[in-house]
Amino acid sequence: MSKPKLHLVFGGRVSDPQSLDFNDLENIDLVGVYPNFEEAEDAWRGMAQRTVDDAEMKYVVVHLHRLLEPELPTEETG
């Protein structure tokens, strides 16, 4: 059984939709931590679709496993 590759999904209001400059860190929406990219992507997609009409809202997936163990090879493209 392989170890989970943790992913964090969060979002918030940004000043520029092309950036990751979140305006209000106290109101970041922490969606959750997921054991694989597929589940994280599903959560991200759901939140992004809910806020599709608000250009200043942005959700992202962070590959926590890459931050925690950067020496591990990557097996996924996402």
PDB file of N, CA and C in Angstrom:
ATOM      1  N   MET A   1       0.842  -1.187   0.000  1.00  0.00           N
ATOM      2  CA  MET A   1       0.000   0.000   0.000  1.00  0.00           C
ATOM      3  C   MET A   1       0.882   1.244   0.000  1.00  0.00           C
ATOM      4  N   SER A   2       0.643   2.151  -0.927  1.00  0.00           N
ATOM      5  CA  SER A   2       1.462   3.349  -1.028  1.00  0.00           C
ATOM      6  C   SER A   2       0.994   4.414  -0.035  1.00  0.00           C
ATOM      7  N   LYS A   3       1.951   5.273   0.315  1.00  0.00           N
ATOM      8  CA  LYS A   3       1.636   6.372   1.224  1.00  0.00           C
ATOM      9  C   LYS A   3       0.750   7.386   0.516  1.00  0.00           C
ATOM     10  N   PRO A   4      -0.168   8.015   1.267  1.00  0.00           N
ATOM     11  CA  PRO A   4      -0.952   9.093   0.652  1.00  0.00           C
ATOM     12  C   PRO A   4      -0.046  10.247   0.271  1.00  0.00           C
ATOM     13  N   LYS A   5      -0.381  10.916  -0.801  1.00  0.00           N
ATOM     14  CA  LYS A   5       0.341  12.120  -1.226  1.00  0.00           C
ATOM     15  C   LYS A   5      -0.593  13.291  -0.963  1.00  0.00           C
ATOM     16  N   LEU A   6      -0.379  13.921   0.173  1.00  0.00           N
ATOM     17  CA  LEU A   6      -1.305  14.935   0.659  1.00  0.00           C
ATOM     18  C   LEU A   6      -1.371  16.167  -0.234  1.00  0.00           C
ATOM     19  N   HIS A   7      -2.603  16.655  -0.400  1.00  0.00           N
ATOM     20  CA  HIS A   7      -2.874  17.860  -1.183  1.00  0.00           C
ATOM     21  C   HIS A   7      -3.821  18.742  -0.393  1.00  0.00           C
ATOM     22  N   LEU A   8      -3.562  20.036  -0.385  1.00  0.00           N
ATOM     23  CA  LEU A   8      -4.384  21.028   0.291  1.00  0.00           C
ATOM     24  C   LEU A   8      -5.140  21.838  -0.758  1.00  0.00           C
ATOM     25  N   VAL A   9      -6.429  22.046  -0.515  1.00  0.00           N
ATOM     26  CA  VAL A   9      -7.235  22.896  -1.394  1.00  0.00           C
ATOM     27  C   VAL A   9      -7.707  24.086  -0.572  1.00  0.00           C
ATOM     28  N   PHE A  10      -7.443  25.287  -1.084  1.00  0.00           N
ATOM     29  CA  PHE A  10      -7.917  26.493  -0.410  1.00  0.00           C
ATOM     30  C   PHE A  10      -8.169  27.567  -1.450  1.00  0.00           C
ATOM     31  N   GLY A  11      -8.842  28.610  -1.009  1.00  0.00           N
ATOM     32  CA  GLY A  11      -9.137  29.700  -1.923  1.00  0.00           C
ATOM     33  C   GLY A  11      -9.431  30.982  -1.178  1.00  0.00           C
ATOM     34  N   GLY A  12      -9.582  32.024  -1.957  1.00  0.00           N
ATOM     35  CA  GLY A  12      -9.894  33.318  -1.386  1.00  0.00           C
ATOM     36  C   GLY A  12      -9.898  34.392  -2.454  1.00  0.00           C
ATOM     37  N   ARG A  13     -10.109  35.593  -2.000  1.00  0.00           N
ATOM     38  CA  ARG A  13     -10.183  36.744  -2.894  1.00  0.00           C
ATOM     39  C   ARG A  13      -8.768  37.200  -3.260  1.00  0.00           C
ATOM     40  N   VAL A  14      -8.541  37.404  -4.555  1.00  0.00           N
ATOM     41  CA  VAL A  14      -7.233  37.851  -5.054  1.00  0.00           C
ATOM     42  C   VAL A  14      -7.375  39.225  -5.704  1.00  0.00           C
ATOM     43  N   SER A  15      -6.267  39.969  -5.720  1.00  0.00           N
ATOM     44  CA  SER A  15      -6.287  41.286  -6.362  1.00  0.00           C
ATOM     45  C   SER A  15      -6.215  41.156  -7.877  1.00  0.00           C
ATOM     46  N   ASP A  16      -5.567  40.108  -8.372  1.00  0.00           N
ATOM     47  CA  ASP A  16      -5.433  39.869  -9.806  1.00  0.00           C
ATOM     48  C   ASP A  16      -5.642  38.376 -10.042  1.00  0.00           C
ATOM     49  N   PRO A  17      -6.622  37.979 -10.850  1.00  0.00           N
ATOM     50  CA  PRO A  17      -6.902  36.554 -11.075  1.00  0.00           C
ATOM     51  C   PRO A  17      -5.731  35.773 -11.664  1.00  0.00           C
ATOM     52  N   GLN A  18      -4.750  36.464 -12.237  1.00  0.00           N
ATOM     53  CA  GLN A  18      -3.577  35.795 -12.792  1.00  0.00           C
ATOM     54  C   GLN A  18      -2.489  35.554 -11.741  1.00  0.00           C
ATOM     55  N   SER A  19      -2.719  36.039 -10.517  1.00  0.00           N
ATOM     56  CA  SER A  19      -1.700  35.932  -9.465  1.00  0.00           C
ATOM     57  C   SER A  19      -2.190  35.060  -8.314  1.00  0.00           C
ATOM     58  N   LEU A  20      -1.289  34.878  -7.368  1.00  0.00           N
ATOM     59  CA  LEU A  20      -1.628  34.192  -6.121  1.00  0.00           C
ATOM     60  C   LEU A  20      -1.557  35.161  -4.946  1.00  0.00           C
ATOM     61  N   ASP A  21      -1.822  36.419  -5.201  1.00  0.00           N
ATOM     62  CA  ASP A  21      -1.795  37.448  -4.163  1.00  0.00           C
ATOM     63  C   ASP A  21      -3.166  37.530  -3.498  1.00  0.00           C
ATOM     64  N   PHE A  22      -3.328  36.755  -2.434  1.00  0.00           N
ATOM     65  CA  PHE A  22      -4.605  36.734  -1.724  1.00  0.00           C
ATOM     66  C   PHE A  22      -4.734  37.984  -0.874  1.00  0.00           C
ATOM     67  N   ASN A  23      -5.898  38.626  -0.945  1.00  0.00           N
ATOM     68  CA  ASN A  23      -6.127  39.910  -0.286  1.00  0.00           C
ATOM     69  C   ASN A  23      -6.284  39.811   1.223  1.00  0.00           C
ATOM     70  N   ASP A  24      -7.045  38.855   1.691  1.00  0.00           N
ATOM     71  CA  ASP A  24      -7.436  38.809   3.100  1.00  0.00           C
ATOM     72  C   ASP A  24      -7.133  37.426   3.663  1.00  0.00           C
ATOM     73  N   LEU A  25      -5.941  37.258   4.193  1.00  0.00           N
ATOM     74  CA  LEU A  25      -5.517  35.941   4.677  1.00  0.00           C
ATOM     75  C   LEU A  25      -6.355  35.439   5.851  1.00  0.00           C
ATOM     76  N   GLU A  26      -6.993  36.339   6.573  1.00  0.00           N
ATOM     77  CA  GLU A  26      -7.831  35.911   7.696  1.00  0.00           C
ATOM     78  C   GLU A  26      -9.114  35.239   7.215  1.00  0.00           C
ATOM     79  N   ASN A  27      -9.479  35.464   5.962  1.00  0.00           N
ATOM     80  CA  ASN A  27     -10.703  34.878   5.427  1.00  0.00           C
ATOM     81  C   ASN A  27     -10.452  33.874   4.306  1.00  0.00           C
ATOM     82  N   ILE A  28      -9.286  33.246   4.327  1.00  0.00           N
ATOM     83  CA  ILE A  28      -8.994  32.179   3.365  1.00  0.00           C
ATOM     84  C   ILE A  28      -9.961  31.017   3.640  1.00  0.00           C
ATOM     85  N   ASP A  29     -10.497  30.467   2.569  1.00  0.00           N
ATOM     86  CA  ASP A  29     -11.412  29.322   2.666  1.00  0.00           C
ATOM     87  C   ASP A  29     -10.589  28.043   2.564  1.00  0.00           C
ATOM     88  N   LEU A  30     -10.363  27.386   3.715  1.00  0.00           N
ATOM     89  CA  LEU A  30      -9.636  26.120   3.735  1.00  0.00           C
ATOM     90  C   LEU A  30     -10.632  25.004   3.423  1.00  0.00           C
ATOM     91  N   VAL A  31     -10.569  24.490   2.216  1.00  0.00           N
ATOM     92  CA  VAL A  31     -11.518  23.473   1.773  1.00  0.00           C
ATOM     93  C   VAL A  31     -11.191  22.132   2.405  1.00  0.00           C
ATOM     94  N   GLY A  32      -9.913  21.730   2.392  1.00  0.00           N
ATOM     95  CA  GLY A  32      -9.544  20.478   3.027  1.00  0.00           C
ATOM     96  C   GLY A  32      -8.206  19.942   2.557  1.00  0.00           C
ATOM     97  N   VAL A  33      -7.794  18.851   3.208  1.00  0.00           N
ATOM     98  CA  VAL A  33      -6.581  18.120   2.854  1.00  0.00           C
ATOM     99  C   VAL A  33      -7.029  16.768   2.326  1.00  0.00           C
ATOM    100  N   TYR A  34      -6.442  16.354   1.201  1.00  0.00           N
ATOM    101  CA  TYR A  34      -6.887  15.146   0.505  1.00  0.00           C
ATOM    102  C   TYR A  34      -5.710  14.204   0.295  1.00  0.00           C
ATOM    103  N   PRO A  35      -5.982  12.889   0.268  1.00  0.00           N
ATOM    104  CA  PRO A  35      -4.905  11.895   0.193  1.00  0.00           C
ATOM    105  C   PRO A  35      -4.320  11.691  -1.200  1.00  0.00           C
ATOM    106  N   ASN A  36      -4.939  12.291  -2.214  1.00  0.00           N
ATOM    107  CA  ASN A  36      -4.411  12.134  -3.572  1.00  0.00           C
ATOM    108  C   ASN A  36      -4.883  13.305  -4.435  1.00  0.00           C
ATOM    109  N   PHE A  37      -4.227  13.452  -5.590  1.00  0.00           N
ATOM    110  CA  PHE A  37      -4.528  14.576  -6.460  1.00  0.00           C
ATOM    111  C   PHE A  37      -5.939  14.513  -7.014  1.00  0.00           C
ATOM    112  N   GLU A  38      -6.424  13.326  -7.323  1.00  0.00           N
ATOM    113  CA  GLU A  38      -7.759  13.192  -7.909  1.00  0.00           C
ATOM    114  C   GLU A  38      -8.842  13.741  -6.990  1.00  0.00           C
ATOM    115  N   GLU A  39      -8.782  13.396  -5.711  1.00  0.00           N
ATOM    116  CA  GLU A  39      -9.779  13.899  -4.757  1.00  0.00           C
ATOM    117  C   GLU A  39      -9.621  15.410  -4.559  1.00  0.00           C
ATOM    118  N   ALA A  40      -8.386  15.877  -4.511  1.00  0.00           N
ATOM    119  CA  ALA A  40      -8.147  17.317  -4.367  1.00  0.00           C
ATOM    120  C   ALA A  40      -8.669  18.064  -5.584  1.00  0.00           C
ATOM    121  N   GLU A  41      -8.447  17.515  -6.756  1.00  0.00           N
ATOM    122  CA  GLU A  41      -8.922  18.164  -7.972  1.00  0.00           C
ATOM    123  C   GLU A  41     -10.447  18.226  -8.003  1.00  0.00           C
ATOM    124  N   ASP A  42     -11.103  17.177  -7.555  1.00  0.00           N
ATOM    125  CA  ASP A  42     -12.573  17.189  -7.486  1.00  0.00           C
ATOM    126  C   ASP A  42     -13.059  18.300  -6.552  1.00  0.00           C
ATOM    127  N   ALA A  43     -12.424  18.425  -5.391  1.00  0.00           N
ATOM    128  CA  ALA A  43     -12.807  19.465  -4.431  1.00  0.00           C
ATOM    129  C   ALA A  43     -12.537  20.850  -5.012  1.00  0.00           C
ATOM    130  N   TRP A  44     -11.374  21.016  -5.627  1.00  0.00           N
ATOM    131  CA  TRP A  44     -11.023  22.295  -6.258  1.00  0.00           C
ATOM    132  C   TRP A  44     -12.034  22.658  -7.341  1.00  0.00           C
ATOM    133  N   ARG A  45     -12.347  21.704  -8.191  1.00  0.00           N
ATOM    134  CA  ARG A  45     -13.276  21.952  -9.300  1.00  0.00           C
ATOM    135  C   ARG A  45     -14.646  22.367  -8.769  1.00  0.00           C
ATOM    136  N   GLY A  46     -15.111  21.704  -7.725  1.00  0.00           N
ATOM    137  CA  GLY A  46     -16.407  22.047  -7.140  1.00  0.00           C
ATOM    138  C   GLY A  46     -16.436  23.468  -6.609  1.00  0.00           C
ATOM    139  N   MET A  47     -15.387  23.851  -5.898  1.00  0.00           N
ATOM    140  CA  MET A  47     -15.343  25.212  -5.344  1.00  0.00           C
ATOM    141  C   MET A  47     -15.163  26.243  -6.451  1.00  0.00           C
ATOM    142  N   ALA A  48     -14.329  25.958  -7.431  1.00  0.00           N
ATOM    143  CA  ALA A  48     -14.109  26.893  -8.532  1.00  0.00           C
ATOM    144  C   ALA A  48     -15.400  27.097  -9.326  1.00  0.00           C
ATOM    145  N   GLN A  49     -16.164  26.035  -9.517  1.00  0.00           N
ATOM    146  CA  GLN A  49     -17.418  26.164 -10.266  1.00  0.00           C
ATOM    147  C   GLN A  49     -18.459  26.957  -9.488  1.00  0.00           C
ATOM    148  N   ARG A  50     -18.441  26.850  -8.161  1.00  0.00           N
ATOM    149  CA  ARG A  50     -19.394  27.615  -7.344  1.00  0.00           C
ATOM    150  C   ARG A  50     -19.132  29.107  -7.415  1.00  0.00           C
ATOM    151  N   THR A  51     -17.873  29.480  -7.678  1.00  0.00           N
ATOM    152  CA  THR A  51     -17.503  30.894  -7.680  1.00  0.00           C
ATOM    153  C   THR A  51     -17.103  31.388  -9.071  1.00  0.00           C
ATOM    154  N   VAL A  52     -17.520  30.680 -10.095  1.00  0.00           N
ATOM    155  CA  VAL A  52     -17.092  30.990 -11.469  1.00  0.00           C
ATOM    156  C   VAL A  52     -17.475  32.415 -11.897  1.00  0.00           C
ATOM    157  N   ASP A  53     -18.533  32.960 -11.370  1.00  0.00           N
ATOM    158  CA  ASP A  53     -18.970  34.303 -11.749  1.00  0.00           C
ATOM    159  C   ASP A  53     -18.256  35.411 -10.975  1.00  0.00           C
ATOM    160  N   ASP A  54     -17.411  35.054 -10.026  1.00  0.00           N
ATOM    161  CA  ASP A  54     -16.682  36.029  -9.221  1.00  0.00           C
ATOM    162  C   ASP A  54     -15.204  35.966  -9.612  1.00  0.00           C
ATOM    163  N   ALA A  55     -14.775  36.856 -10.491  1.00  0.00           N
ATOM    164  CA  ALA A  55     -13.410  36.820 -11.029  1.00  0.00           C
ATOM    165  C   ALA A  55     -12.339  37.032  -9.961  1.00  0.00           C
ATOM    166  N   GLU A  56     -12.715  37.573  -8.812  1.00  0.00           N
ATOM    167  CA  GLU A  56     -11.727  37.820  -7.763  1.00  0.00           C
ATOM    168  C   GLU A  56     -11.564  36.649  -6.798  1.00  0.00           C
ATOM    169  N   MET A  57     -12.354  35.585  -6.970  1.00  0.00           N
ATOM    170  CA  MET A  57     -12.213  34.395  -6.131  1.00  0.00           C
ATOM    171  C   MET A  57     -11.380  33.361  -6.866  1.00  0.00           C
ATOM    172  N   LYS A  58     -10.428  32.791  -6.143  1.00  0.00           N
ATOM    173  CA  LYS A  58      -9.531  31.811  -6.755  1.00  0.00           C
ATOM    174  C   LYS A  58      -9.293  30.673  -5.781  1.00  0.00           C
ATOM    175  N   TYR A  59      -9.350  29.449  -6.284  1.00  0.00           N
ATOM    176  CA  TYR A  59      -9.051  28.247  -5.503  1.00  0.00           C
ATOM    177  C   TYR A  59      -7.849  27.564  -6.112  1.00  0.00           C
ATOM    178  N   VAL A  60      -7.015  26.962  -5.264  1.00  0.00           N
ATOM    179  CA  VAL A  60      -5.795  26.313  -5.721  1.00  0.00           C
ATOM    180  C   VAL A  60      -5.609  24.967  -5.020  1.00  0.00           C
ATOM    181  N   VAL A  61      -4.803  24.125  -5.651  1.00  0.00           N
ATOM    182  CA  VAL A  61      -4.379  22.850  -5.065  1.00  0.00           C
ATOM    183  C   VAL A  61      -2.886  22.972  -4.769  1.00  0.00           C
ATOM    184  N   VAL A  62      -2.510  22.689  -3.531  1.00  0.00           N
ATOM    185  CA  VAL A  62      -1.110  22.713  -3.126  1.00  0.00           C
ATOM    186  C   VAL A  62      -0.669  21.272  -2.882  1.00  0.00           C
ATOM    187  N   HIS A  63       0.442  20.896  -3.487  1.00  0.00           N
ATOM    188  CA  HIS A  63       0.987  19.545  -3.335  1.00  0.00           C
ATOM    189  C   HIS A  63       1.802  19.498  -2.041  1.00  0.00           C
ATOM    190  N   LEU A  64       1.140  19.223  -0.927  1.00  0.00           N
ATOM    191  CA  LEU A  64       1.827  19.212   0.367  1.00  0.00           C
ATOM    192  C   LEU A  64       2.936  18.175   0.409  1.00  0.00           C
ATOM    193  N   HIS A  65       2.728  17.049  -0.244  1.00  0.00           N
ATOM    194  CA  HIS A  65       3.745  15.993  -0.231  1.00  0.00           C
ATOM    195  C   HIS A  65       5.053  16.476  -0.844  1.00  0.00           C
ATOM    196  N   ARG A  66       4.987  17.387  -1.815  1.00  0.00           N
ATOM    197  CA  ARG A  66       6.208  17.922  -2.428  1.00  0.00           C
ATOM    198  C   ARG A  66       6.929  18.878  -1.482  1.00  0.00           C
ATOM    199  N   LEU A  67       6.176  19.552  -0.635  1.00  0.00           N
ATOM    200  CA  LEU A  67       6.789  20.444   0.348  1.00  0.00           C
ATOM    201  C   LEU A  67       7.381  19.652   1.500  1.00  0.00           C
ATOM    202  N   LEU A  68       6.694  18.585   1.905  1.00  0.00           N
ATOM    203  CA  LEU A  68       7.130  17.801   3.049  1.00  0.00           C
ATOM    204  C   LEU A  68       8.292  16.864   2.721  1.00  0.00           C
ATOM    205  N   GLU A  69       8.294  16.331   1.503  1.00  0.00           N
ATOM    206  CA  GLU A  69       9.342  15.402   1.082  1.00  0.00           C
ATOM    207  C   GLU A  69       9.785  15.731  -0.348  1.00  0.00           C
ATOM    208  N   PRO A  70      10.503  16.824  -0.527  1.00  0.00           N
ATOM    209  CA  PRO A  70      10.856  17.266  -1.884  1.00  0.00           C
ATOM    210  C   PRO A  70      11.770  16.309  -2.635  1.00  0.00           C
ATOM    211  N   GLU A  71      12.435  15.418  -1.928  1.00  0.00           N
ATOM    212  CA  GLU A  71      13.357  14.497  -2.586  1.00  0.00           C
ATOM    213  C   GLU A  71      12.650  13.324  -3.269  1.00  0.00           C
ATOM    214  N   LEU A  72      11.359  13.117  -2.962  1.00  0.00           N
ATOM    215  CA  LEU A  72      10.629  12.012  -3.580  1.00  0.00           C
ATOM    216  C   LEU A  72      10.339  12.314  -5.048  1.00  0.00           C
ATOM    217  N   PRO A  73      10.431  11.294  -5.901  1.00  0.00           N
ATOM    218  CA  PRO A  73      10.082  11.509  -7.311  1.00  0.00           C
ATOM    219  C   PRO A  73       8.576  11.734  -7.456  1.00  0.00           C
ATOM    220  N   THR A  74       8.185  12.495  -8.450  1.00  0.00           N
ATOM    221  CA  THR A  74       6.767  12.733  -8.687  1.00  0.00           C
ATOM    222  C   THR A  74       6.245  11.694  -9.672  1.00  0.00           C
ATOM    223  N   GLU A  75       5.061  11.175  -9.388  1.00  0.00           N
ATOM    224  CA  GLU A  75       4.440  10.175 -10.248  1.00  0.00           C
ATOM    225  C   GLU A  75       3.253  10.737 -10.988  1.00  0.00           C
ATOM    226  N   GLU A  76       2.855  11.952 -10.640  1.00  0.00           N
ATOM    227  CA  GLU A  76       1.666  12.543 -11.238  1.00  0.00           C
ATOM    228  C   GLU A  76       2.044  13.778 -12.022  1.00  0.00           C
ATOM    229  N   THR A  77       1.175  14.168 -12.899  1.00  0.00           N
ATOM    230  CA  THR A  77       1.427  15.373 -13.684  1.00  0.00           C
ATOM    231  C   THR A  77       0.732  16.575 -13.093  1.00  0.00           C
ATOM    232  N   GLY A  78      -0.217  16.383 -12.145  1.00  0.00           N
ATOM    233  CA  GLY A  78      -1.000  17.491 -11.629  1.00  0.00           C
ATOM    234  C   GLY A  78      -0.416  18.178 -10.472  1.00  0.00           C
TER     235      GLY A  78
END
